[in-house]
C-alpha atoms as a PDB file:
ATOM      1  CA  UNK A   1     -16.261  -9.553 -28.117  1.00  0.00           C
ATOM      2  CA  UNK A   2     -17.194  -6.026 -28.963  1.00  0.00           C
ATOM      3  CA  UNK A   3     -15.265  -2.805 -29.139  1.00  0.00           C
ATOM      4  CA  UNK A   4     -16.578   0.694 -29.407  1.00  0.00           C
ATOM      5  CA  UNK A   5     -15.085   2.775 -32.176  1.00  0.00           C
ATOM      6  CA  UNK A   6     -16.500   6.280 -32.137  1.00  0.00           C
ATOM      7  CA  UNK A   7     -20.249   5.854 -32.050  1.00  0.00           C
ATOM      8  CA  UNK A   8     -20.311   2.528 -33.886  1.00  0.00           C
ATOM      9  CA  UNK A   9     -20.005  -0.786 -32.094  1.00  0.00           C
ATOM     10  CA  UNK A  10     -17.889  -3.245 -34.039  1.00  0.00           C
ATOM     11  CA  UNK A  11     -17.098  -6.897 -33.511  1.00  0.00           C
ATOM     12  CA  UNK A  12     -13.572  -7.314 -32.162  1.00  0.00           C
ATOM     13  CA  UNK A  13     -12.752  -9.535 -35.154  1.00  0.00           C
ATOM     14  CA  UNK A  14     -13.544  -6.614 -37.491  1.00  0.00           C
ATOM     15  CA  UNK A  15     -10.854  -4.372 -35.966  1.00  0.00           C
ATOM     16  CA  UNK A  16      -7.511  -3.867 -37.692  1.00  0.00           C
ATOM     17  CA  UNK A  17      -4.617  -5.833 -36.159  1.00  0.00           C
ATOM     18  CA  UNK A  18      -3.044  -2.665 -34.687  1.00  0.00           C
ATOM     19  CA  UNK A  19      -6.120  -1.914 -32.592  1.00  0.00           C
ATOM     20  CA  UNK A  20      -6.269  -5.496 -31.377  1.00  0.00           C
ATOM     21  CA  UNK A  21      -2.621  -5.636 -30.262  1.00  0.00           C
ATOM     22  CA  UNK A  22      -3.537  -5.856 -26.576  1.00  0.00           C
ATOM     23  CA  UNK A  23      -5.747  -8.921 -26.898  1.00  0.00           C
ATOM     24  CA  UNK A  24      -3.112 -11.193 -25.317  1.00  0.00           C
ATOM     25  CA  UNK A  25      -2.686  -8.786 -22.413  1.00  0.00           C
ATOM     26  CA  UNK A  26      -6.450  -8.632 -21.934  1.00  0.00           C
ATOM     27  CA  UNK A  27      -6.686 -12.422 -21.935  1.00  0.00           C
ATOM     28  CA  UNK A  28      -3.943 -12.666 -19.283  1.00  0.00           C
ATOM     29  CA  UNK A  29      -5.758 -10.131 -17.108  1.00  0.00           C
ATOM     30  CA  UNK A  30      -9.035 -12.001 -17.561  1.00  0.00           C
ATOM     31  CA  UNK A  31      -7.374 -15.259 -16.512  1.00  0.00           C
ATOM     32  CA  UNK A  32      -5.893 -13.546 -13.435  1.00  0.00           C
ATOM     33  CA  UNK A  33      -9.322 -12.248 -12.378  1.00  0.00           C
ATOM     34  CA  UNK A  34     -10.872 -15.663 -13.028  1.00  0.00           C
ATOM     35  CA  UNK A  35      -8.186 -17.381 -10.940  1.00  0.00           C
ATOM     36  CA  UNK A  36      -8.609 -14.827  -8.146  1.00  0.00           C
ATOM     37  CA  UNK A  37     -12.322 -15.599  -8.083  1.00  0.00           C
ATOM     38  CA  UNK A  38     -11.819 -19.386  -8.248  1.00  0.00           C
ATOM     39  CA  UNK A  39     -13.357 -19.804 -11.690  1.00  0.00           C
ATOM     40  CA  UNK A  40     -16.471 -17.737 -10.979  1.00  0.00           C
ATOM     41  CA  UNK A  41     -16.744 -15.908 -14.297  1.00  0.00           C
ATOM     42  CA  UNK A  42     -19.458 -13.512 -13.144  1.00  0.00           C
ATOM     43  CA  UNK A  43     -17.564 -12.459 -10.015  1.00  0.00           C
ATOM     44  CA  UNK A  44     -14.379 -12.042 -12.066  1.00  0.00           C
ATOM     45  CA  UNK A  45     -16.197  -9.881 -14.614  1.00  0.00           C
ATOM     46  CA  UNK A  46     -17.799  -7.703 -11.947  1.00  0.00           C
ATOM     47  CA  UNK A  47     -14.427  -7.244 -10.209  1.00  0.00           C
ATOM     48  CA  UNK A  48     -12.690  -6.363 -13.483  1.00  0.00           C
ATOM     49  CA  UNK A  49     -15.368  -3.825 -14.395  1.00  0.00           C
ATOM     50  CA  UNK A  50     -15.296  -2.322 -10.892  1.00  0.00           C
ATOM     51  CA  UNK A  51     -11.520  -1.954 -11.081  1.00  0.00           C
ATOM     52  CA  UNK A  52     -11.738  -0.425 -14.559  1.00  0.00           C
ATOM     53  CA  UNK A  53     -14.327   2.107 -13.401  1.00  0.00           C
ATOM     54  CA  UNK A  54     -12.184   3.008 -10.376  1.00  0.00           C
ATOM     55  CA  UNK A  55      -9.183   3.506 -12.680  1.00  0.00           C
ATOM     56  CA  UNK A  56     -11.307   5.658 -14.984  1.00  0.00           C
ATOM     57  CA  UNK A  57     -12.451   7.825 -12.061  1.00  0.00           C
ATOM     58  CA  UNK A  58      -8.835   8.264 -10.915  1.00  0.00           C
ATOM     59  CA  UNK A  59      -7.715   9.192 -14.444  1.00  0.00           C
ATOM     60  CA  UNK A  60     -10.536  11.718 -14.772  1.00  0.00           C
ATOM     61  CA  UNK A  61      -9.568  13.275 -11.422  1.00  0.00           C
ATOM     62  CA  UNK A  62      -5.919  13.540 -12.522  1.00  0.00           C
ATOM     63  CA  UNK A  63      -7.027  15.156 -15.782  1.00  0.00           C
ATOM     64  CA  UNK A  64      -9.213  17.654 -13.926  1.00  0.00           C
ATOM     65  CA  UNK A  65      -6.358  18.469 -11.516  1.00  0.00           C
ATOM     66  CA  UNK A  66      -3.994  19.024 -14.450  1.00  0.00           C
ATOM     67  CA  UNK A  67      -6.507  21.331 -16.121  1.00  0.00           C
ATOM     68  CA  UNK A  68      -6.864  23.346 -12.904  1.00  0.00           C
ATOM     69  CA  UNK A  69      -3.083  23.739 -12.623  1.00  0.00           C
ATOM     70  CA  UNK A  70      -2.741  24.758 -16.261  1.00  0.00           C
ATOM     71  CA  UNK A  71      -5.654  27.194 -15.954  1.00  0.00           C
ATOM     72  CA  UNK A  72      -4.156  28.670 -12.775  1.00  0.00           C
ATOM     73  CA  UNK A  73      -0.831  29.109 -14.589  1.00  0.00           C
ATOM     74  CA  UNK A  74      -2.493  31.030 -17.414  1.00  0.00           C
ATOM     75  CA  UNK A  75      -4.273  33.316 -14.963  1.00  0.00           C
ATOM     76  CA  UNK A  76      -1.049  34.017 -13.021  1.00  0.00           C
ATOM     77  CA  UNK A  77       0.889  34.661 -16.226  1.00  0.00           C
ATOM     78  CA  UNK A  78      -1.624  37.082 -17.694  1.00  0.00           C
ATOM     79  CA  UNK A  79      -0.262  40.470 -18.763  1.00  0.00           C
ATOM     80  CA  UNK A  80      -2.376  43.481 -17.761  1.00  0.00           C
ATOM     81  CA  UNK A  81      -3.870  45.589 -20.528  1.00  0.00           C
ATOM     82  CA  UNK A  82      -2.464  49.160 -20.776  1.00  0.00           C
END
């Protein structure tokens, strides 16, 4: 497996133990996708990636919405210059 650390791709086995703490969770999720797709590894992988991309899009939208609210709050709270 690979992980991306900054701009350098590293083998998962090269990562410190703290960064690899979720390996068991990832394996359980992978098994759940594989079971849901009746052992079809390719279909399970495509479904997992599709779900991850959908989650990423949702997180980016929440971040953008938060930035808009914060920006709006700064504009409303601005003090006029004398």
